[in-house]
Protein backbone atom coordinates (compact mmCIF):
# COMPACT_ATOMS: atom_id res chain seq x y z
CA UNK A 1 -0.18 -0.34 -0.05
CA UNK A 2 1.53 3.35 -0.70
CA UNK A 3 1.58 6.06 1.67
CA UNK A 4 -1.38 7.89 2.02
CA UNK A 5 -1.44 11.62 1.52
CA UNK A 6 -3.15 13.84 4.57
CA UNK A 7 -3.90 17.30 4.53
CA UNK A 8 -4.15 18.36 8.43
CA UNK A 9 -6.41 21.60 9.01
CA UNK A 10 -6.19 22.90 12.76
CA UNK A 11 -6.18 26.24 14.27
CA UNK A 12 -5.04 25.28 17.38
CA UNK A 13 -1.27 25.12 17.82
CA UNK A 14 -1.14 22.60 20.40
CA UNK A 15 -3.66 20.50 19.02
CA UNK A 16 -2.10 20.74 15.66
CA UNK A 17 1.48 19.91 16.90
CA UNK A 18 0.01 16.78 18.51
CA UNK A 19 -1.72 15.78 15.31
CA UNK A 20 1.64 16.32 12.76
CA UNK A 21 3.51 14.33 15.61
CA UNK A 22 0.74 11.33 14.95
CA UNK A 23 0.85 11.60 11.34
CA UNK A 24 4.69 12.16 10.42
CA UNK A 25 5.63 8.90 12.67
CA UNK A 26 3.23 6.88 11.00
CA UNK A 27 5.19 5.64 8.06
CA UNK A 28 1.96 4.58 6.39
CA UNK A 29 1.15 8.26 6.27
CA UNK A 30 2.49 11.43 4.98
CA UNK A 31 1.77 14.86 5.42
CA UNK A 32 1.44 16.61 2.29
CA UNK A 33 0.27 19.71 3.52
CA UNK A 34 -0.87 21.86 7.15
CA UNK A 35 -3.15 24.88 7.23
CA UNK A 36 -4.91 26.84 9.94
CA UNK A 37 -8.05 28.32 8.28
CA UNK A 38 -10.74 26.52 6.00
CA UNK A 39 -9.74 29.14 3.02
CA UNK A 40 -6.22 27.75 2.89
CA UNK A 41 -7.38 24.49 2.97
CA UNK A 42 -9.03 24.89 -0.27
CA UNK A 43 -6.03 25.82 -2.30
CA UNK A 44 -4.41 23.30 -0.38
CA UNK A 45 -6.77 20.37 -1.79
CA UNK A 46 -6.04 21.91 -5.12
CA UNK A 47 -2.47 22.20 -5.13
CA UNK A 48 -1.60 18.81 -2.92
CA UNK A 49 -4.31 16.56 -4.14
CA UNK A 50 -4.53 14.79 -0.34
CA UNK A 51 -5.63 11.39 -0.28
CA UNK A 52 -7.61 12.64 3.29
CA UNK A 53 -8.31 15.42 5.05
CA UNK A 54 -7.86 15.51 8.84
CA UNK A 55 -10.04 18.45 9.62
CA UNK A 56 -10.38 19.89 13.01
CA UNK A 57 -13.82 22.02 13.71
CA UNK A 58 -12.72 25.03 15.66
CA UNK A 59 -10.99 27.16 13.24
CA UNK A 60 -11.16 30.86 12.45
CA UNK A 61 -13.58 32.94 9.63
CA UNK A 62 -15.49 29.44 8.98
CA UNK A 63 -15.61 26.37 11.25
CA UNK A 64 -14.55 22.79 9.74
CA UNK A 65 -17.78 21.51 9.62
CA UNK A 66 -19.29 24.20 7.55
CA UNK A 67 -16.31 24.36 5.62
CA UNK A 68 -16.85 20.84 4.82
CA UNK A 69 -20.15 21.07 4.03
CA UNK A 70 -19.60 23.76 1.44
CA UNK A 71 -16.69 21.15 0.17
CA UNK A 72 -18.06 18.06 -0.29
CA UNK A 73 -20.19 18.92 -3.66
CA UNK A 74 -17.35 20.29 -5.47
CA UNK A 75 -14.19 18.38 -4.06
CA UNK A 76 -15.82 15.05 -2.41
CA UNK A 77 -12.78 13.55 -0.41
CA UNK A 78 -12.41 11.34 2.51
CA UNK A 79 -12.55 13.27 5.78
CA UNK A 80 -11.98 12.86 9.54
CA UNK A 81 -13.27 15.55 11.16
CA UNK A 82 -12.60 16.15 15.29
CA UNK A 83 -15.35 18.48 17.04
CA UNK A 84 -17.31 18.54 20.11
CA UNK A 85 -18.50 15.02 20.89
CA UNK A 86 -22.14 16.82 20.45
CA UNK A 87 -21.55 17.39 16.84
CA UNK A 88 -21.19 14.10 15.75
CA UNK A 89 -24.55 14.14 13.39
CA UNK A 90 -23.72 17.47 11.66
CA UNK A 91 -19.98 16.02 10.83
CA UNK A 92 -21.57 12.88 9.49
CA UNK A 93 -24.38 14.81 7.77
CA UNK A 94 -21.71 17.30 6.13
CA UNK A 95 -19.98 13.96 4.72
CA UNK A 96 -17.40 12.91 7.05
CA UNK A 97 -16.09 9.74 6.55
CA UNK A 98 -15.27 9.61 10.27
CA UNK A 99 -15.64 11.27 13.27
CA UNK A 100 -13.78 11.82 16.54
CA UNK A 101 -15.44 13.45 19.88
CA UNK A 102 -12.61 15.38 21.23
CA UNK A 103 -12.25 18.37 23.32
CA UNK A 104 -9.47 20.69 22.22
CA UNK A 105 -8.38 22.31 25.85
CA UNK A 106 -7.36 18.64 26.78
CA UNK A 107 -4.41 18.47 28.36
CA UNK A 108 -2.48 15.64 26.18
CA UNK A 109 -3.92 15.60 23.20
CA UNK A 110 -1.34 13.43 21.69
CA UNK A 111 -1.99 10.57 24.29
CA UNK A 112 -5.96 10.73 23.90
CA UNK A 113 -5.69 10.67 19.95
CA UNK A 114 -2.82 7.98 19.62
CA UNK A 115 -5.29 5.98 21.88
CA UNK A 116 -8.08 6.62 19.19
CA UNK A 117 -5.96 4.63 16.82
CA UNK A 118 -5.92 7.97 14.22
CA UNK A 119 -3.46 6.57 11.90
CA UNK A 120 -5.85 3.31 11.36
CA UNK A 121 -8.84 6.07 10.80
CA UNK A 122 -7.09 8.17 8.32
CA UNK A 123 -6.28 4.74 6.36
CA UNK A 124 -9.65 3.63 6.70
CA UNK A 125 -11.27 6.68 5.67
CA UNK A 126 -9.33 6.60 2.41
CA UNK A 127 -9.43 2.34 2.10
CA UNK A 128 -12.90 1.23 3.86
CA UNK A 129 -11.78 -2.34 3.54
CA UNK A 130 -8.23 -2.54 5.07
CA UNK A 131 -7.81 -4.71 7.88
CA UNK A 132 -4.53 -3.50 8.89
CA UNK A 133 -0.59 -4.59 7.99
CA UNK A 134 -0.32 -5.45 12.06
CA UNK A 135 -3.33 -6.99 13.66
CA UNK A 136 -1.05 -8.34 16.48
CA UNK A 137 0.23 -4.63 16.96
CA UNK A 138 -2.96 -3.02 17.17
CA UNK A 139 -4.18 -5.64 19.75
CA UNK A 140 -1.31 -4.85 22.13
CA UNK A 141 -2.29 -1.09 21.70
CA UNK A 142 -6.07 -1.42 22.47
CA UNK A 143 -6.81 -5.29 24.10
CA UNK A 144 -7.80 -7.62 22.26
CA UNK A 145 -11.47 -8.24 21.59
CA UNK A 146 -13.40 -9.33 25.01
CA UNK A 147 -15.35 -12.50 25.25
CA UNK A 148 -17.20 -11.23 28.43
CA UNK A 149 -19.21 -8.38 29.09
CA UNK A 150 -18.89 -5.98 32.48
CA UNK A 151 -22.09 -3.50 32.12
CA UNK A 152 -22.46 -0.97 35.08
CA UNK A 153 -25.26 2.07 35.50
CA UNK A 154 -25.03 4.86 37.52
CA UNK A 155 -26.93 8.00 38.05
CA UNK A 156 -26.55 10.67 41.22
CA UNK A 157 -23.50 10.61 42.81
CA UNK A 158 -22.23 8.08 40.22
CA UNK A 159 -19.04 9.98 38.74
CA UNK A 160 -17.29 9.93 41.92
CA UNK A 161 -18.52 5.76 42.33
CA UNK A 162 -17.68 4.68 38.69
CA UNK A 163 -14.33 6.17 39.21
CA UNK A 164 -13.83 4.65 42.17
CA UNK A 165 -14.62 1.30 40.75
CA UNK A 166 -12.41 1.98 37.29
CA UNK A 167 -9.64 3.38 39.03
CA UNK A 168 -9.19 -0.22 40.83
CA UNK A 169 -9.75 -2.35 37.72
CA UNK A 170 -6.92 -4.65 36.55
CA UNK A 171 -5.47 -3.78 33.55
CA UNK A 172 -6.50 -7.47 32.10
CA UNK A 173 -10.10 -6.81 32.71
CA UNK A 174 -12.65 -7.92 30.41
CA UNK A 175 -14.32 -5.09 28.35
CA UNK A 176 -16.80 -2.66 30.61
CA UNK A 177 -19.96 -1.00 29.01
CA UNK A 178 -21.28 1.83 31.36
CA UNK A 179 -24.22 4.51 31.49
CA UNK A 180 -24.31 7.45 33.42
CA UNK A 181 -26.81 10.18 33.87
CA UNK A 182 -24.68 13.14 33.15
CA UNK A 183 -25.43 16.34 31.14
CA UNK A 184 -24.79 16.42 27.42
CA UNK A 185 -21.27 17.32 26.39
CA UNK A 186 -20.04 16.09 29.88
CA UNK A 187 -18.86 12.56 29.47
CA UNK A 188 -16.06 13.12 26.80
CA UNK A 189 -14.34 15.53 29.27
CA UNK A 190 -14.81 12.94 32.26
CA UNK A 191 -13.86 9.95 30.24
CA UNK A 192 -10.54 11.43 29.20
CA UNK A 193 -10.01 12.48 32.81
CA UNK A 194 -10.61 8.77 33.69
CA UNK A 195 -8.53 7.62 30.76
CA UNK A 196 -5.51 10.01 32.22
CA UNK A 197 -5.63 8.52 35.78
CA UNK A 198 -6.96 4.71 35.49
CA UNK A 199 -4.90 1.71 34.29
CA UNK A 200 -7.96 0.65 31.97
CA UNK A 201 -8.06 2.64 28.91
CA UNK A 202 -11.49 4.31 28.74
CA UNK A 203 -13.35 6.58 26.25
CA UNK A 204 -16.68 8.16 25.37
CA UNK A 205 -18.16 5.24 22.91
CA UNK A 206 -19.30 5.72 19.60
CA UNK A 207 -21.29 3.20 17.27
CA UNK A 208 -18.96 0.17 15.84
CA UNK A 209 -16.41 0.41 18.95
CA UNK A 210 -15.27 -2.88 19.82
CA UNK A 211 -15.90 -3.99 23.70
CA UNK A 212 -11.61 -4.64 24.09
CA UNK A 213 -10.34 -6.19 27.41
CA UNK A 214 -8.66 -3.38 29.46
CA UNK A 215 -11.45 -0.95 28.36
CA UNK A 216 -14.17 0.82 29.52
CA UNK A 217 -16.89 2.41 27.18
CA UNK A 218 -18.93 5.19 28.34
CA UNK A 219 -22.42 5.72 26.63
CA UNK A 220 -22.28 9.35 25.39
CA UNK A 221 -25.11 12.05 27.07
CA UNK A 222 -27.46 13.24 25.25
CA UNK A 223 -30.23 11.50 22.68
CA UNK A 224 -28.64 8.30 22.26
CA UNK A 225 -29.26 4.75 23.87
CA UNK A 226 -26.03 2.43 23.93
CA UNK A 227 -26.33 -1.42 23.58
CA UNK A 228 -24.26 -3.98 23.42
CA UNK A 229 -24.43 -6.49 19.97
CA UNK A 230 -22.71 -9.20 18.83
CA UNK A 231 -21.59 -9.68 14.97
CA UNK A 232 -19.71 -12.14 13.79
CA UNK A 233 -18.67 -13.55 17.34
CA UNK A 234 -17.46 -9.91 18.45
CA UNK A 235 -19.00 -7.36 20.68
CA UNK A 236 -19.46 -4.19 19.83
CA UNK A 237 -21.73 -0.85 20.84
CA UNK A 238 -24.30 0.82 18.96
CA UNK A 239 -25.18 4.44 19.97
CA UNK A 240 -28.44 5.61 18.70
CA UNK A 241 -31.26 8.01 19.10
CA UNK A 242 -34.28 7.10 20.79
CA UNK A 243 -36.89 8.62 23.21
CA UNK A 244 -36.17 8.06 26.93
CA UNK A 245 -36.30 4.90 29.30
CA UNK A 246 -36.88 4.53 32.60
CA UNK A 247 -37.49 8.46 32.31
CA UNK A 248 -33.39 8.64 30.91
CA UNK A 249 -31.58 8.66 27.56
CA UNK A 250 -29.16 7.27 27.59
CA UNK A 251 -30.99 4.59 29.78
CA UNK A 252 -29.07 1.65 32.04
CA UNK A 253 -32.20 -0.40 31.27
CA UNK A 254 -31.55 -0.40 27.72
CA UNK A 255 -27.88 -1.16 28.45
CA UNK A 256 -28.44 -3.85 30.59
CA UNK A 257 -30.81 -5.50 28.29
CA UNK A 258 -28.68 -5.17 25.45
CA UNK A 259 -26.02 -7.34 27.35
CA UNK A 260 -28.44 -9.86 28.67
CA UNK A 261 -29.81 -10.68 25.24
CA UNK A 262 -26.11 -10.51 23.80
CA UNK A 263 -23.93 -11.82 26.19
CA UNK A 264 -26.15 -13.55 28.66
CA UNK A 265 -23.99 -15.39 31.19
CA UNK A 266 -20.83 -14.05 29.97
CA UNK A 267 -21.35 -10.52 31.42
CA UNK A 268 -21.52 -8.95 35.07
CA UNK A 269 -23.83 -5.88 35.86
CA UNK A 270 -23.07 -3.96 38.50
CA UNK A 271 -25.76 -1.36 39.74
CA UNK A 272 -24.23 2.13 41.34
CA UNK A 273 -25.81 4.92 43.66
CA UNK A 274 -28.35 6.85 41.94
CA UNK A 275 -32.15 8.15 42.01
CA UNK A 276 -35.02 6.41 40.71
CA UNK A 277 -34.95 2.65 39.18
CA UNK A 278 -33.52 2.84 36.15
CA UNK A 279 -31.41 -0.27 35.53
CA UNK A 280 -33.49 -2.57 38.17
CA UNK A 281 -35.58 -4.19 35.37
CA UNK A 282 -32.59 -4.66 33.04
CA UNK A 283 -30.48 -5.82 35.82
CA UNK A 284 -33.24 -8.61 36.89
CA UNK A 285 -33.09 -9.27 32.85
CA UNK A 286 -29.45 -10.07 32.98
CA UNK A 287 -29.73 -12.22 36.10
CA UNK A 288 -32.45 -14.46 34.39
CA UNK A 289 -29.94 -14.77 31.51
CA UNK A 290 -27.50 -15.98 33.93
CA UNK A 291 -25.30 -13.20 34.64
CA UNK A 292 -23.95 -12.54 38.08
CA UNK A 293 -25.37 -9.25 39.45
CA UNK A 294 -23.40 -6.82 42.00
CA UNK A 295 -25.45 -4.16 43.79
CA UNK A 296 -24.18 -1.16 45.70
CA UNK A 297 -24.85 -1.10 49.42
CA UNK A 298 -27.22 1.49 51.06
CA UNK A 299 -24.45 2.46 53.26
CA UNK A 300 -22.14 3.73 50.21
CA UNK A 301 -24.45 5.23 48.12
CA UNK A 302 -25.36 8.88 47.70
CA UNK A 303 -28.94 8.09 46.80
CA UNK A 304 -29.64 4.94 47.47
CA UNK A 305 -32.61 4.56 44.56
CA UNK A 306 -31.25 2.31 42.13
CA UNK A 307 -29.24 -0.23 43.69
CA UNK A 308 -32.68 -0.44 45.97
CA UNK A 309 -35.01 -0.93 43.27
CA UNK A 310 -32.79 -3.53 41.86
CA UNK A 311 -32.49 -5.21 45.53
CA UNK A 312 -36.49 -5.26 45.74
CA UNK A 313 -37.07 -7.01 43.21
CA UNK A 314 -34.32 -9.58 43.27
CA UNK A 315 -31.94 -8.57 40.32
CA UNK A 316 -29.05 -8.29 42.95
CA UNK A 317 -26.86 -11.13 43.30
CA UNK A 318 -24.47 -9.66 45.83
CA UNK A 319 -24.64 -6.65 47.36
CA UNK A 320 -21.36 -4.37 48.58
CA UNK A 321 -19.83 -1.33 49.59
CA UNK A 322 -18.47 0.89 47.10
CA UNK A 323 -14.72 0.30 48.24
CA UNK A 324 -15.16 -3.53 47.62
CA UNK A 325 -17.04 -3.60 43.98
CA UNK A 326 -13.62 -3.56 41.84
CA UNK A 327 -12.21 -6.47 44.32
CA UNK A 328 -15.94 -8.32 44.06
CA UNK A 329 -15.15 -8.21 40.21
CA UNK A 330 -11.82 -9.66 40.18
CA UNK A 331 -12.91 -12.54 42.27
CA UNK A 332 -15.69 -13.57 40.30
CA UNK A 333 -13.90 -13.50 37.19
CA UNK A 334 -10.82 -14.94 38.92
CA UNK A 335 -8.67 -12.32 37.67
CA UNK A 336 -4.88 -12.69 39.27
């Protein structure tokens, strides 16, 4: 495969430096031009004929997604867009081949974007059927696809609760999927912070993400439910718009129900502090499907609502204080 020619368009100096470093360090890519605004990018496309454009949304004079929408009818080209998580739909509607939810003020953009496997995604934007020239290396970076799923749900007090659980998980833990009730736009920042501080990798989920060992996927807050599906024997997540379920979107019940269907006995459900009863029925469905289930105990909860509702209907196999939940997960899975 010849080297893929990349045009980088970014108005943020620190982010531009990180993106340039990732592209130039990848022997499969060639950075042919770098611009700071849409007008210069248009001229660079004509002059350098790049294979793919790496486009940041935050640009002077015209934002990246507006530029892409104007560009595609005249110069259609594969484009990977970096923008705030809430702009995913807009980016794809404008013609993006791929989208990476990213906060440009993140303290370590190189680490986050390297973890997003940016090089591979630029190549796949040009060659959608490309499978990778070193699958073993990719597996070392990302973790192998998981054959077991850990599902976690939380609400009020859940940011601290999930952090305490994830912070104490071992790097070889099976893939984690989680729903937490948060304001829209906050889950990506929260995931980035956890990724910086925990042994497991943490990211905000997007449709098509594979559930991998040593990785936690957080459902994006907003108007999309996250579900786990099994495609060709591999667990993946899909994030799709839908009405509120149990009063929430994303809903813990929706996630737990999907895990019960996709993974059954090869799963473990955890319900943490939160107001209401979202997740109780879904956790019961998981237990009936053969999954082990854990509920946070009353004494360690900020609000003993969701765990109590699950316990009262018989959905909880074991109750445990928050400080012991990661240990319980390791014990149930016999992780060394």
